[in-house]
Amino acid sequence: QSSGVALTADGYGKDMVLAGREVFGFCGGAALVR
């Protein structure tokens, strides 16, 4: 379903499905934050 969140050109958050890389943002359904 999601391995992170991308930012579209019109400012929507979009789920990404490519794990193991830097992403724009995290999916708040399952994440760890400092």
Full PDB file with SEQRES, HELIX, SHEET, SSBOND, CRYST1, ORIGX, SCALE, CONECT and MASTER records, all heavy atoms in Angstrom:
SEQRES   1 A   34  GLN SER SER GLY VAL ALA LEU THR ALA ASP GLY TYR GLY          
SEQRES   2 A   34  LYS ASP MET VAL LEU ALA GLY ARG GLU VAL PHE GLY PHE          
SEQRES   3 A   34  CYS GLY GLY ALA ALA LEU VAL ARG                              
SHEET    1 AA1 2 VAL A   5  LEU A   7  0                                        
SHEET    2 AA1 2 GLY A  13  ASP A  15 -1                                        
CRYST1    1.000    1.000    1.000  90.00  90.00  90.00 P 1           1          
ORIGX1      1.000000  0.000000  0.000000        0.00000                         
ORIGX2      0.000000  1.000000  0.000000        0.00000                         
ORIGX3      0.000000  0.000000  1.000000        0.00000                         
SCALE1      1.000000  0.000000  0.000000        0.00000                         
SCALE2      0.000000  1.000000  0.000000        0.00000                         
SCALE3      0.000000  0.000000  1.000000        0.00000                         
ATOM      1  N   GLN A   1       0.833  -1.200   0.000  1.00  0.00           N  
ATOM      2  CA  GLN A   1       0.000   0.000   0.000  1.00  0.00           C  
ATOM      3  C   GLN A   1       0.868   1.250   0.000  1.00  0.00           C  
ATOM      4  O   GLN A   1       0.613   2.202  -0.729  1.00  0.00           O  
ATOM      5  CB  GLN A   1      -0.914   0.017   1.213  1.00  0.00           C  
ATOM      6  CG  GLN A   1      -1.707   1.320   1.361  1.00  0.00           C  
ATOM      7  CD  GLN A   1      -2.322   1.464   2.730  1.00  0.00           C  
ATOM      8  OE1 GLN A   1      -2.469   0.494   3.485  1.00  0.00           O  
ATOM      9  NE2 GLN A   1      -2.703   2.692   3.077  1.00  0.00           N  
ATOM     10  N   SER A   2       1.912   1.233   0.830  1.00  0.00           N  
ATOM     11  CA  SER A   2       2.752   2.426   0.947  1.00  0.00           C  
ATOM     12  C   SER A   2       4.115   2.059   1.509  1.00  0.00           C  
ATOM     13  O   SER A   2       4.216   1.238   2.417  1.00  0.00           O  
ATOM     14  CB  SER A   2       2.096   3.456   1.868  1.00  0.00           C  
ATOM     15  OG  SER A   2       2.949   4.579   2.067  1.00  0.00           O  
ATOM     16  N   SER A   3       5.137   2.655   0.958  1.00  0.00           N  
ATOM     17  CA  SER A   3       6.462   2.600   1.560  1.00  0.00           C  
ATOM     18  C   SER A   3       7.010   4.013   1.732  1.00  0.00           C  
ATOM     19  O   SER A   3       8.214   4.228   1.805  1.00  0.00           O  
ATOM     20  CB  SER A   3       7.412   1.772   0.687  1.00  0.00           C  
ATOM     21  OG  SER A   3       7.481   2.299  -0.627  1.00  0.00           O  
ATOM     22  N   GLY A   4       6.094   4.957   1.781  1.00  0.00           N  
ATOM     23  CA  GLY A   4       6.469   6.353   1.926  1.00  0.00           C  
ATOM     24  C   GLY A   4       5.531   7.230   1.129  1.00  0.00           C  
ATOM     25  O   GLY A   4       4.662   6.743   0.387  1.00  0.00           O  
ATOM     26  N   VAL A   5       5.692   8.532   1.273  1.00  0.00           N  
ATOM     27  CA  VAL A   5       4.804   9.496   0.631  1.00  0.00           C  
ATOM     28  C   VAL A   5       5.593  10.393  -0.298  1.00  0.00           C  
ATOM     29  O   VAL A   5       6.634  10.940   0.081  1.00  0.00           O  
ATOM     30  CB  VAL A   5       4.069  10.339   1.694  1.00  0.00           C  
ATOM     31  CG1 VAL A   5       3.268  11.462   1.045  1.00  0.00           C  
ATOM     32  CG2 VAL A   5       3.146   9.454   2.524  1.00  0.00           C  
ATOM     33  N   ALA A   6       5.102  10.525  -1.526  1.00  0.00           N  
ATOM     34  CA  ALA A   6       5.661  11.465  -2.495  1.00  0.00           C  
ATOM     35  C   ALA A   6       4.789  12.711  -2.536  1.00  0.00           C  
ATOM     36  O   ALA A   6       3.630  12.698  -2.099  1.00  0.00           O  
ATOM     37  CB  ALA A   6       5.737  10.818  -3.871  1.00  0.00           C  
ATOM     38  N   LEU A   7       5.321  13.781  -3.072  1.00  0.00           N  
ATOM     39  CA  LEU A   7       4.606  15.046  -3.182  1.00  0.00           C  
ATOM     40  C   LEU A   7       4.357  15.321  -4.654  1.00  0.00           C  
ATOM     41  O   LEU A   7       5.298  15.473  -5.436  1.00  0.00           O  
ATOM     42  CB  LEU A   7       5.436  16.167  -2.552  1.00  0.00           C  
ATOM     43  CG  LEU A   7       4.773  17.520  -2.365  1.00  0.00           C  
ATOM     44  CD1 LEU A   7       3.579  17.424  -1.416  1.00  0.00           C  
ATOM     45  CD2 LEU A   7       5.788  18.527  -1.816  1.00  0.00           C  
ATOM     46  N   THR A   8       3.096  15.348  -5.073  1.00  0.00           N  
ATOM     47  CA  THR A   8       2.772  15.558  -6.481  1.00  0.00           C  
ATOM     48  C   THR A   8       2.973  17.025  -6.865  1.00  0.00           C  
ATOM     49  O   THR A   8       3.117  17.899  -6.006  1.00  0.00           O  
ATOM     50  CB  THR A   8       1.328  15.145  -6.788  1.00  0.00           C  
ATOM     51  OG1 THR A   8       0.427  16.064  -6.140  1.00  0.00           O  
ATOM     52  CG2 THR A   8       1.049  13.720  -6.300  1.00  0.00           C  
ATOM     53  N   ALA A   9       2.934  17.289  -8.164  1.00  0.00           N  
ATOM     54  CA  ALA A   9       3.158  18.639  -8.658  1.00  0.00           C  
ATOM     55  C   ALA A   9       2.060  19.607  -8.232  1.00  0.00           C  
ATOM     56  O   ALA A   9       2.278  20.824  -8.236  1.00  0.00           O  
ATOM     57  CB  ALA A   9       3.270  18.618 -10.187  1.00  0.00           C  
ATOM     58  N   ASP A  10       0.869  19.078  -7.877  1.00  0.00           N  
ATOM     59  CA  ASP A  10      -0.196  19.952  -7.405  1.00  0.00           C  
ATOM     60  C   ASP A  10      -0.386  19.871  -5.895  1.00  0.00           C  
ATOM     61  O   ASP A  10      -1.406  20.296  -5.361  1.00  0.00           O  
ATOM     62  CB  ASP A  10      -1.511  19.656  -8.129  1.00  0.00           C  
ATOM     63  CG  ASP A  10      -1.850  18.180  -8.178  1.00  0.00           C  
ATOM     64  OD1 ASP A  10      -1.074  17.384  -7.615  1.00  0.00           O  
ATOM     65  OD2 ASP A  10      -2.878  17.826  -8.783  1.00  0.00           O  
ATOM     66  N   GLY A  11       0.623  19.311  -5.215  1.00  0.00           N  
ATOM     67  CA  GLY A  11       0.638  19.384  -3.765  1.00  0.00           C  
ATOM     68  C   GLY A  11      -0.173  18.347  -3.042  1.00  0.00           C  
ATOM     69  O   GLY A  11      -0.513  18.535  -1.866  1.00  0.00           O  
ATOM     70  N   TYR A  12      -0.475  17.238  -3.705  1.00  0.00           N  
ATOM     71  CA  TYR A  12      -1.111  16.119  -3.012  1.00  0.00           C  
ATOM     72  C   TYR A  12      -0.027  15.182  -2.479  1.00  0.00           C  
ATOM     73  O   TYR A  12       1.044  15.041  -3.091  1.00  0.00           O  
ATOM     74  CB  TYR A  12      -2.020  15.324  -3.955  1.00  0.00           C  
ATOM     75  CG  TYR A  12      -3.357  15.976  -4.231  1.00  0.00           C  
ATOM     76  CD1 TYR A  12      -3.533  16.806  -5.342  1.00  0.00           C  
ATOM     77  CD2 TYR A  12      -4.441  15.759  -3.388  1.00  0.00           C  
ATOM     78  CE1 TYR A  12      -4.760  17.403  -5.594  1.00  0.00           C  
ATOM     79  CE2 TYR A  12      -5.676  16.361  -3.636  1.00  0.00           C  
ATOM     80  CZ  TYR A  12      -5.822  17.176  -4.742  1.00  0.00           C  
ATOM     81  OH  TYR A  12      -7.037  17.767  -4.982  1.00  0.00           O  
ATOM     82  N   GLY A  13      -0.312  14.520  -1.360  1.00  0.00           N  
ATOM     83  CA  GLY A  13       0.538  13.438  -0.902  1.00  0.00           C  
ATOM     84  C   GLY A  13       0.119  12.153  -1.589  1.00  0.00           C  
ATOM     85  O   GLY A  13      -1.072  11.864  -1.696  1.00  0.00           O  
ATOM     86  N   LYS A  14       1.085  11.379  -2.071  1.00  0.00           N  
ATOM     87  CA  LYS A  14       0.784  10.161  -2.825  1.00  0.00           C  
ATOM     88  C   LYS A  14       1.627   9.016  -2.290  1.00  0.00           C  
ATOM     89  O   LYS A  14       2.837   9.152  -2.113  1.00  0.00           O  
ATOM     90  CB  LYS A  14       1.089  10.378  -4.313  1.00  0.00           C  
ATOM     91  CG  LYS A  14       0.823   9.168  -5.185  1.00  0.00           C  
ATOM     92  CD  LYS A  14       1.128   9.477  -6.644  1.00  0.00           C  
ATOM     93  CE  LYS A  14       2.627   9.594  -6.879  1.00  0.00           C  
ATOM     94  NZ  LYS A  14       2.963   9.706  -8.325  1.00  0.00           N  
ATOM     95  N   ASP A  15       0.982   7.874  -2.015  1.00  0.00           N  
ATOM     96  CA  ASP A  15       1.711   6.712  -1.531  1.00  0.00           C  
ATOM     97  C   ASP A  15       2.683   6.209  -2.581  1.00  0.00           C  
ATOM     98  O   ASP A  15       2.363   6.134  -3.772  1.00  0.00           O  
ATOM     99  CB  ASP A  15       0.744   5.584  -1.155  1.00  0.00           C  
ATOM    100  CG  ASP A  15       0.048   5.821   0.170  1.00  0.00           C  
ATOM    101  OD1 ASP A  15       0.716   6.325   1.087  1.00  0.00           O  
ATOM    102  OD2 ASP A  15      -1.145   5.501   0.283  1.00  0.00           O  
ATOM    103  N   MET A  16       3.890   5.853  -2.119  1.00  0.00           N  
ATOM    104  CA  MET A  16       4.905   5.242  -2.972  1.00  0.00           C  
ATOM    105  C   MET A  16       5.016   3.764  -2.625  1.00  0.00           C  
ATOM    106  O   MET A  16       4.675   3.350  -1.517  1.00  0.00           O  
ATOM    107  CB  MET A  16       6.263   5.911  -2.751  1.00  0.00           C  
ATOM    108  CG  MET A  16       6.290   7.389  -3.037  1.00  0.00           C  
ATOM    109  SD  MET A  16       7.912   8.083  -2.648  1.00  0.00           S  
ATOM    110  CE  MET A  16       8.962   7.127  -3.744  1.00  0.00           C  
ATOM    111  N   VAL A  17       5.500   2.968  -3.570  1.00  0.00           N  
ATOM    112  CA  VAL A  17       5.606   1.525  -3.323  1.00  0.00           C  
ATOM    113  C   VAL A  17       7.031   1.011  -3.503  1.00  0.00           C  
ATOM    114  O   VAL A  17       7.259  -0.191  -3.553  1.00  0.00           O  
ATOM    115  CB  VAL A  17       4.646   0.732  -4.232  1.00  0.00           C  
ATOM    116  CG1 VAL A  17       3.208   1.071  -3.896  1.00  0.00           C  
ATOM    117  CG2 VAL A  17       4.925   1.004  -5.707  1.00  0.00           C  
ATOM    118  N   LEU A  18       8.008   1.912  -3.581  1.00  0.00           N  
ATOM    119  CA  LEU A  18       9.416   1.511  -3.703  1.00  0.00           C  
ATOM    120  C   LEU A  18      10.105   1.752  -2.373  1.00  0.00           C  
ATOM    121  O   LEU A  18      10.369   2.889  -1.988  1.00  0.00           O  
ATOM    122  CB  LEU A  18      10.116   2.296  -4.817  1.00  0.00           C  
ATOM    123  CG  LEU A  18       9.572   2.079  -6.226  1.00  0.00           C  
ATOM    124  CD1 LEU A  18      10.272   3.005  -7.218  1.00  0.00           C  
ATOM    125  CD2 LEU A  18       9.758   0.628  -6.659  1.00  0.00           C  
ATOM    126  N   ALA A  19      10.387   0.691  -1.638  1.00  0.00           N  
ATOM    127  CA  ALA A  19      10.970   0.816  -0.302  1.00  0.00           C  
ATOM    128  C   ALA A  19      12.490   0.905  -0.363  1.00  0.00           C  
ATOM    129  O   ALA A  19      13.113   0.672  -1.392  1.00  0.00           O  
ATOM    130  CB  ALA A  19      10.555  -0.380   0.552  1.00  0.00           C  
ATOM    131  N   GLY A  20      13.089   1.245   0.799  1.00  0.00           N  
ATOM    132  CA  GLY A  20      14.537   1.228   0.922  1.00  0.00           C  
ATOM    133  C   GLY A  20      15.232   2.438   0.354  1.00  0.00           C  
ATOM    134  O   GLY A  20      16.363   2.342  -0.134  1.00  0.00           O  
ATOM    135  N   ARG A  21      14.610   3.603   0.414  1.00  0.00           N  
ATOM    136  CA  ARG A  21      15.214   4.805  -0.154  1.00  0.00           C  
ATOM    137  C   ARG A  21      14.743   6.019   0.642  1.00  0.00           C  
ATOM    138  O   ARG A  21      13.849   5.924   1.490  1.00  0.00           O  
ATOM    139  CB  ARG A  21      14.818   4.959  -1.622  1.00  0.00           C  
ATOM    140  CG  ARG A  21      13.299   4.923  -1.817  1.00  0.00           C  
ATOM    141  CD  ARG A  21      12.885   5.055  -3.260  1.00  0.00           C  
ATOM    142  NE  ARG A  21      13.076   6.412  -3.741  1.00  0.00           N  
ATOM    143  CZ  ARG A  21      12.650   6.827  -4.949  1.00  0.00           C  
ATOM    144  NH1 ARG A  21      12.046   5.987  -5.753  1.00  0.00           N  
ATOM    145  NH2 ARG A  21      12.845   8.070  -5.328  1.00  0.00           N  
ATOM    146  N   GLU A  22      15.352   7.158   0.359  1.00  0.00           N  
ATOM    147  CA  GLU A  22      14.850   8.389   0.941  1.00  0.00           C  
ATOM    148  C   GLU A  22      13.550   8.767   0.245  1.00  0.00           C  
ATOM    149  O   GLU A  22      13.411   8.636  -0.973  1.00  0.00           O  
ATOM    150  CB  GLU A  22      15.873   9.514   0.792  1.00  0.00           C  
ATOM    151  CG  GLU A  22      15.416  10.827   1.426  1.00  0.00           C  
ATOM    152  CD  GLU A  22      16.471  11.926   1.333  1.00  0.00           C  
ATOM    153  OE1 GLU A  22      17.539  11.673   0.737  1.00  0.00           O  
ATOM    154  OE2 GLU A  22      16.193  13.022   1.849  1.00  0.00           O  
ATOM    155  N   VAL A  23      12.579   9.239   1.024  1.00  0.00           N  
ATOM    156  CA  VAL A  23      11.285   9.642   0.490  1.00  0.00           C  
ATOM    157  C   VAL A  23      10.959  11.030   1.013  1.00  0.00           C  
ATOM    158  O   VAL A  23      11.569  11.512   1.963  1.00  0.00           O  
ATOM    159  CB  VAL A  23      10.175   8.644   0.888  1.00  0.00           C  
ATOM    160  CG1 VAL A  23      10.369   7.315   0.186  1.00  0.00           C  
ATOM    161  CG2 VAL A  23      10.134   8.446   2.404  1.00  0.00           C  
ATOM    162  N   PHE A  24       9.980  11.672   0.378  1.00  0.00           N  
ATOM    163  CA  PHE A  24       9.602  13.002   0.863  1.00  0.00           C  
ATOM    164  C   PHE A  24       9.044  12.915   2.271  1.00  0.00           C  
ATOM    165  O   PHE A  24       9.416  13.693   3.152  1.00  0.00           O  
ATOM    166  CB  PHE A  24       8.566  13.645  -0.058  1.00  0.00           C  
ATOM    167  CG  PHE A  24       7.987  14.909   0.544  1.00  0.00           C  
ATOM    168  CD1 PHE A  24       8.732  16.081   0.570  1.00  0.00           C  
ATOM    169  CD2 PHE A  24       6.721  14.913   1.124  1.00  0.00           C  
ATOM    170  CE1 PHE A  24       8.232  17.245   1.154  1.00  0.00           C  
ATOM    171  CE2 PHE A  24       6.207  16.064   1.707  1.00  0.00           C  
ATOM    172  CZ  PHE A  24       6.960  17.228   1.720  1.00  0.00           C  
ATOM    173  N   GLY A  25       8.119  11.968   2.470  1.00  0.00           N  
ATOM    174  CA  GLY A  25       7.454  11.921   3.758  1.00  0.00           C  
ATOM    175  C   GLY A  25       7.094  10.520   4.195  1.00  0.00           C  
ATOM    176  O   GLY A  25       7.206   9.566   3.429  1.00  0.00           O  
ATOM    177  N   PHE A  26       6.668  10.415   5.438  1.00  0.00           N  
ATOM    178  CA  PHE A  26       6.299   9.125   5.989  1.00  0.00           C  
ATOM    179  C   PHE A  26       4.790   8.960   5.982  1.00  0.00           C  
ATOM    180  O   PHE A  26       4.031   9.941   6.007  1.00  0.00           O  
ATOM    181  CB  PHE A  26       6.843   8.963   7.417  1.00  0.00           C  
ATOM    182  CG  PHE A  26       6.322   9.956   8.425  1.00  0.00           C  
ATOM    183  CD1 PHE A  26       5.151   9.707   9.127  1.00  0.00           C  
ATOM    184  CD2 PHE A  26       7.017  11.135   8.691  1.00  0.00           C  
ATOM    185  CE1 PHE A  26       4.671  10.602  10.068  1.00  0.00           C  
ATOM    186  CE2 PHE A  26       6.545  12.045   9.630  1.00  0.00           C  
ATOM    187  CZ  PHE A  26       5.366  11.777  10.321  1.00  0.00           C  
ATOM    188  N   CYS A  27       4.350   7.719   5.936  1.00  0.00           N  
ATOM    189  CA  CYS A  27       2.940   7.397   6.078  1.00  0.00           C  
ATOM    190  C   CYS A  27       2.644   7.259   7.566  1.00  0.00           C  
ATOM    191  O   CYS A  27       3.234   6.407   8.238  1.00  0.00           O  
ATOM    192  CB  CYS A  27       2.602   6.112   5.330  1.00  0.00           C  
ATOM    193  SG  CYS A  27       0.890   5.596   5.546  1.00  0.00           S  
ATOM    194  N   GLY A  28       1.745   8.063   8.080  1.00  0.00           N  
ATOM    195  CA  GLY A  28       1.507   8.120   9.513  1.00  0.00           C  
ATOM    196  C   GLY A  28       0.844   6.891  10.087  1.00  0.00           C  
ATOM    197  O   GLY A  28       0.737   6.774  11.311  1.00  0.00           O  
ATOM    198  N   GLY A  29       0.424   5.950   9.235  1.00  0.00           N  
ATOM    199  CA  GLY A  29      -0.180   4.735   9.745  1.00  0.00           C  
ATOM    200  C   GLY A  29       0.784   3.801  10.426  1.00  0.00           C  
ATOM    201  O   GLY A  29       0.367   2.949  11.228  1.00  0.00           O  
ATOM    202  N   ALA A  30       2.086   3.949  10.127  1.00  0.00           N  
ATOM    203  CA  ALA A  30       3.108   3.090  10.741  1.00  0.00           C  
ATOM    204  C   ALA A  30       4.464   3.735  10.503  1.00  0.00           C  
ATOM    205  O   ALA A  30       5.064   3.552   9.436  1.00  0.00           O  
ATOM    206  CB  ALA A  30       3.071   1.681  10.159  1.00  0.00           C  
ATOM    207  N   ALA A  31       4.935   4.490  11.471  1.00  0.00           N  
ATOM    208  CA  ALA A  31       6.190   5.214  11.313  1.00  0.00           C  
ATOM    209  C   ALA A  31       6.834   5.450  12.665  1.00  0.00           C  
ATOM    210  O   ALA A  31       6.194   5.331  13.713  1.00  0.00           O  
ATOM    211  CB  ALA A  31       5.944   6.550  10.605  1.00  0.00           C  
ATOM    212  N   LEU A  32       8.119   5.798  12.622  1.00  0.00           N  
ATOM    213  CA  LEU A  32       8.879   6.136  13.830  1.00  0.00           C  
ATOM    214  C   LEU A  32       9.503   7.503  13.619  1.00  0.00           C  
ATOM    215  O   LEU A  32      10.144   7.751  12.592  1.00  0.00           O  
ATOM    216  CB  LEU A  32       9.963   5.087  14.096  1.00  0.00           C  
ATOM    217  CG  LEU A  32      10.686   5.190  15.449  1.00  0.00           C  
ATOM    218  CD1 LEU A  32       9.742   4.856  16.595  1.00  0.00           C  
ATOM    219  CD2 LEU A  32      11.891   4.247  15.480  1.00  0.00           C  
ATOM    220  N   VAL A  33       9.324   8.393  14.604  1.00  0.00           N  
ATOM    221  CA  VAL A  33       9.786   9.779  14.496  1.00  0.00           C  
ATOM    222  C   VAL A  33      10.642  10.114  15.706  1.00  0.00           C  
ATOM    223  O   VAL A  33      10.335   9.693  16.831  1.00  0.00           O  
ATOM    224  CB  VAL A  33       8.585  10.750  14.410  1.00  0.00           C  
ATOM    225  CG1 VAL A  33       9.062  12.169  14.139  1.00  0.00           C  
ATOM    226  CG2 VAL A  33       7.593  10.303  13.340  1.00  0.00           C  
ATOM    227  N   ARG A  34      11.719  10.865  15.479  1.00  0.00           N  
ATOM    228  CA  ARG A  34      12.509  11.364  16.606  1.00  0.00           C  
ATOM    229  C   ARG A  34      11.658  12.372  17.392  1.00  0.00           C  
ATOM    230  O   ARG A  34      11.200  13.380  16.839  1.00  0.00           O  
ATOM    231  CB  ARG A  34      13.783  12.040  16.118  1.00  0.00           C  
ATOM    232  CG  ARG A  34      14.777  11.111  15.460  1.00  0.00           C  
ATOM    233  CD  ARG A  34      16.087  11.847  15.158  1.00  0.00           C  
ATOM    234  NE  ARG A  34      16.901  11.083  14.244  1.00  0.00           N  
ATOM    235  CZ  ARG A  34      17.727  10.099  14.592  1.00  0.00           C  
ATOM    236  NH1 ARG A  34      17.862   9.809  15.876  1.00  0.00           N  
ATOM    237  NH2 ARG A  34      18.421   9.446  13.679  1.00  0.00           N  
TER     238      ARG A  34                                                      
MASTER        0    0    0    0    2    0    0    6  237    1    0    3          
END                                                                             
